[in-house]
């Protein structure tokens, strides 16, 4: 897990805002399916997800295609 994802893993009450910044075209099938599972369909679309190990793993798979921010909810 990268250092930035480790920092997100320590926050307990935060949620993560995941924004797609690059296209999944040209990526592996697994990366495209991961974007779809996160709920990302279009560039600049964002979703808010719980800060959970499963979500952090999905973000790590497509880290080069998305940006991640912590948000309070």
N, C-alpha and C. Protein backbone atom coordinates (compact mmCIF):
# COMPACT_ATOMS: atom_id res chain seq x y z
N UNK A 1 0.86 -1.17 0.00
CA UNK A 1 0.00 0.00 0.00
C UNK A 1 0.90 1.23 0.00
N UNK A 2 0.56 2.22 -0.79
CA UNK A 2 1.39 3.42 -0.87
C UNK A 2 1.22 4.27 0.37
N UNK A 3 2.14 5.20 0.57
CA UNK A 3 2.12 6.05 1.76
C UNK A 3 0.83 6.87 1.83
N UNK A 4 0.37 7.40 0.71
CA UNK A 4 -0.84 8.22 0.74
C UNK A 4 -2.06 7.40 1.13
N UNK A 5 -2.12 6.15 0.68
CA UNK A 5 -3.25 5.30 1.06
C UNK A 5 -3.17 4.90 2.52
N UNK A 6 -1.94 4.75 3.06
CA UNK A 6 -1.80 4.44 4.48
C UNK A 6 -2.33 5.59 5.33
N UNK A 7 -2.12 6.82 4.88
CA UNK A 7 -2.64 7.97 5.61
C UNK A 7 -4.16 7.95 5.63
N UNK A 8 -4.79 7.57 4.51
CA UNK A 8 -6.24 7.47 4.47
C UNK A 8 -6.74 6.34 5.36
N UNK A 9 -5.98 5.28 5.47
CA UNK A 9 -6.40 4.12 6.25
C UNK A 9 -6.46 4.43 7.74
N UNK A 10 -5.71 5.43 8.20
CA UNK A 10 -5.71 5.74 9.62
C UNK A 10 -6.89 6.62 10.04
N UNK A 11 -7.50 7.33 9.11
CA UNK A 11 -8.65 8.17 9.44
C UNK A 11 -9.87 7.28 9.69
N UNK A 12 -10.56 7.51 10.81
CA UNK A 12 -11.64 6.60 11.16
C UNK A 12 -13.02 7.09 10.74
N UNK A 13 -13.33 8.36 10.92
CA UNK A 13 -14.68 8.83 10.63
C UNK A 13 -14.78 9.50 9.28
N UNK A 14 -13.73 9.55 8.55
CA UNK A 14 -13.73 10.24 7.27
C UNK A 14 -14.27 9.33 6.17
N UNK A 15 -14.76 9.98 5.14
CA UNK A 15 -15.12 9.28 3.92
C UNK A 15 -14.19 9.77 2.83
N UNK A 16 -14.14 9.06 1.73
CA UNK A 16 -13.24 9.38 0.65
C UNK A 16 -14.02 9.84 -0.57
N UNK A 17 -13.60 10.97 -1.13
CA UNK A 17 -14.16 11.45 -2.37
C UNK A 17 -13.20 11.03 -3.48
N UNK A 18 -13.66 10.15 -4.35
CA UNK A 18 -12.83 9.60 -5.42
C UNK A 18 -13.29 10.23 -6.73
N UNK A 19 -12.35 10.86 -7.44
CA UNK A 19 -12.66 11.53 -8.71
C UNK A 19 -11.85 10.89 -9.82
N UNK A 20 -12.53 10.50 -10.89
CA UNK A 20 -11.83 9.93 -12.05
C UNK A 20 -11.20 11.06 -12.84
N UNK A 21 -9.89 10.98 -13.10
CA UNK A 21 -9.19 12.03 -13.84
C UNK A 21 -8.67 11.55 -15.18
N UNK A 22 -8.61 10.24 -15.38
CA UNK A 22 -8.14 9.69 -16.65
C UNK A 22 -9.07 8.57 -17.08
N UNK A 23 -9.05 8.29 -18.37
CA UNK A 23 -9.92 7.28 -18.94
C UNK A 23 -9.41 5.87 -18.63
N UNK A 24 -10.35 4.94 -18.52
CA UNK A 24 -10.00 3.55 -18.34
C UNK A 24 -9.66 2.85 -19.65
N UNK A 25 -9.89 3.52 -20.77
CA UNK A 25 -9.57 2.95 -22.08
C UNK A 25 -8.06 2.73 -22.16
N UNK A 26 -7.67 1.56 -22.59
CA UNK A 26 -6.25 1.25 -22.70
C UNK A 26 -5.72 0.56 -21.45
N UNK A 27 -6.51 0.58 -20.39
CA UNK A 27 -6.12 -0.13 -19.18
C UNK A 27 -6.52 -1.59 -19.26
N UNK A 28 -6.17 -2.31 -18.21
CA UNK A 28 -6.55 -3.72 -18.19
C UNK A 28 -8.05 -3.85 -17.91
N UNK A 29 -8.58 -5.01 -18.20
CA UNK A 29 -10.00 -5.27 -17.93
C UNK A 29 -10.29 -5.11 -16.44
N UNK A 30 -9.35 -5.55 -15.59
CA UNK A 30 -9.52 -5.43 -14.15
C UNK A 30 -9.62 -3.96 -13.72
N UNK A 31 -8.82 -3.09 -14.32
CA UNK A 31 -8.89 -1.66 -13.99
C UNK A 31 -10.21 -1.06 -14.41
N UNK A 32 -10.70 -1.42 -15.60
CA UNK A 32 -11.99 -0.90 -16.06
C UNK A 32 -13.12 -1.36 -15.16
N UNK A 33 -13.08 -2.64 -14.77
CA UNK A 33 -14.12 -3.17 -13.89
C UNK A 33 -14.05 -2.53 -12.50
N UNK A 34 -12.85 -2.22 -12.04
CA UNK A 34 -12.69 -1.58 -10.74
C UNK A 34 -13.28 -0.17 -10.76
N UNK A 35 -13.03 0.59 -11.82
CA UNK A 35 -13.65 1.91 -11.95
C UNK A 35 -15.17 1.79 -11.91
N UNK A 36 -15.70 0.83 -12.63
CA UNK A 36 -17.15 0.62 -12.68
C UNK A 36 -17.69 0.24 -11.31
N UNK A 37 -16.97 -0.60 -10.59
CA UNK A 37 -17.39 -1.03 -9.25
C UNK A 37 -17.37 0.15 -8.27
N UNK A 38 -16.40 1.04 -8.43
CA UNK A 38 -16.36 2.23 -7.58
C UNK A 38 -17.51 3.19 -7.91
N UNK A 39 -18.13 3.01 -9.07
CA UNK A 39 -19.23 3.88 -9.47
C UNK A 39 -18.79 5.00 -10.39
N UNK A 40 -17.60 4.87 -10.94
CA UNK A 40 -17.07 5.91 -11.83
C UNK A 40 -17.27 5.50 -13.28
N UNK A 41 -17.94 6.36 -14.04
CA UNK A 41 -18.25 6.06 -15.43
C UNK A 41 -17.60 7.07 -16.38
N UNK A 42 -17.43 8.32 -15.93
CA UNK A 42 -16.96 9.40 -16.80
C UNK A 42 -15.82 10.15 -16.13
N UNK A 43 -14.99 10.76 -16.95
CA UNK A 43 -13.91 11.60 -16.43
C UNK A 43 -14.53 12.80 -15.72
N UNK A 44 -13.93 13.20 -14.60
CA UNK A 44 -14.35 14.29 -13.70
C UNK A 44 -15.58 13.93 -12.88
N UNK A 45 -16.07 12.72 -12.98
CA UNK A 45 -17.16 12.27 -12.12
C UNK A 45 -16.56 11.89 -10.77
N UNK A 46 -17.28 12.18 -9.69
CA UNK A 46 -16.78 11.80 -8.38
C UNK A 46 -17.85 11.05 -7.60
N UNK A 47 -17.38 10.22 -6.69
CA UNK A 47 -18.25 9.47 -5.78
C UNK A 47 -17.66 9.55 -4.39
N UNK A 48 -18.50 9.41 -3.38
CA UNK A 48 -18.04 9.39 -2.00
C UNK A 48 -18.22 7.98 -1.48
N UNK A 49 -17.15 7.41 -0.96
CA UNK A 49 -17.16 6.04 -0.45
C UNK A 49 -16.64 6.01 0.97
N UNK A 50 -17.07 4.99 1.71
CA UNK A 50 -16.59 4.78 3.07
C UNK A 50 -15.09 4.47 3.05
N UNK A 51 -14.41 4.89 4.09
CA UNK A 51 -12.98 4.60 4.22
C UNK A 51 -12.83 3.19 4.78
N UNK A 52 -12.82 2.21 3.88
CA UNK A 52 -12.74 0.80 4.27
C UNK A 52 -11.60 0.13 3.51
N UNK A 53 -11.05 -0.94 4.04
CA UNK A 53 -9.94 -1.62 3.37
C UNK A 53 -10.28 -2.07 1.95
N UNK A 54 -11.52 -2.50 1.73
CA UNK A 54 -11.92 -2.95 0.39
C UNK A 54 -11.85 -1.81 -0.61
N UNK A 55 -12.32 -0.64 -0.20
CA UNK A 55 -12.31 0.52 -1.09
C UNK A 55 -10.88 0.99 -1.32
N UNK A 56 -10.05 0.97 -0.27
CA UNK A 56 -8.66 1.37 -0.43
C UNK A 56 -7.93 0.45 -1.41
N UNK A 57 -8.26 -0.83 -1.40
CA UNK A 57 -7.66 -1.76 -2.35
C UNK A 57 -8.07 -1.46 -3.77
N UNK A 58 -9.35 -1.11 -3.97
CA UNK A 58 -9.81 -0.75 -5.30
C UNK A 58 -9.13 0.54 -5.77
N UNK A 59 -8.98 1.50 -4.86
CA UNK A 59 -8.32 2.76 -5.22
C UNK A 59 -6.87 2.49 -5.60
N UNK A 60 -6.20 1.60 -4.90
CA UNK A 60 -4.81 1.27 -5.21
C UNK A 60 -4.69 0.68 -6.62
N UNK A 61 -5.69 -0.08 -7.04
CA UNK A 61 -5.68 -0.69 -8.37
C UNK A 61 -5.74 0.36 -9.47
N UNK A 62 -6.46 1.44 -9.24
CA UNK A 62 -6.63 2.47 -10.27
C UNK A 62 -6.07 3.82 -9.81
N UNK A 63 -5.05 3.79 -8.98
CA UNK A 63 -4.49 5.02 -8.40
C UNK A 63 -4.03 6.02 -9.47
N UNK A 64 -3.58 5.53 -10.61
CA UNK A 64 -3.10 6.40 -11.67
C UNK A 64 -4.25 7.02 -12.48
N UNK A 65 -5.48 6.59 -12.23
CA UNK A 65 -6.64 7.10 -12.96
C UNK A 65 -7.54 7.99 -12.11
N UNK A 66 -7.30 8.06 -10.80
CA UNK A 66 -8.19 8.78 -9.90
C UNK A 66 -7.40 9.67 -8.94
N UNK A 67 -8.12 10.64 -8.34
CA UNK A 67 -7.59 11.38 -7.20
C UNK A 67 -8.49 11.09 -6.01
N UNK A 68 -7.94 11.20 -4.82
CA UNK A 68 -8.67 10.87 -3.61
C UNK A 68 -8.54 12.01 -2.61
N UNK A 69 -9.67 12.40 -2.01
CA UNK A 69 -9.68 13.42 -0.96
C UNK A 69 -10.50 12.90 0.21
N UNK A 70 -10.14 13.33 1.42
CA UNK A 70 -10.96 13.01 2.58
C UNK A 70 -12.05 14.04 2.72
N UNK A 71 -13.25 13.61 3.08
CA UNK A 71 -14.36 14.52 3.33
C UNK A 71 -15.05 14.09 4.61
N UNK A 72 -15.65 15.07 5.30
CA UNK A 72 -16.45 14.78 6.48
C UNK A 72 -17.90 14.60 6.07
N UNK A 73 -18.52 13.58 6.58
CA UNK A 73 -19.95 13.37 6.31
C UNK A 73 -20.61 12.80 7.50
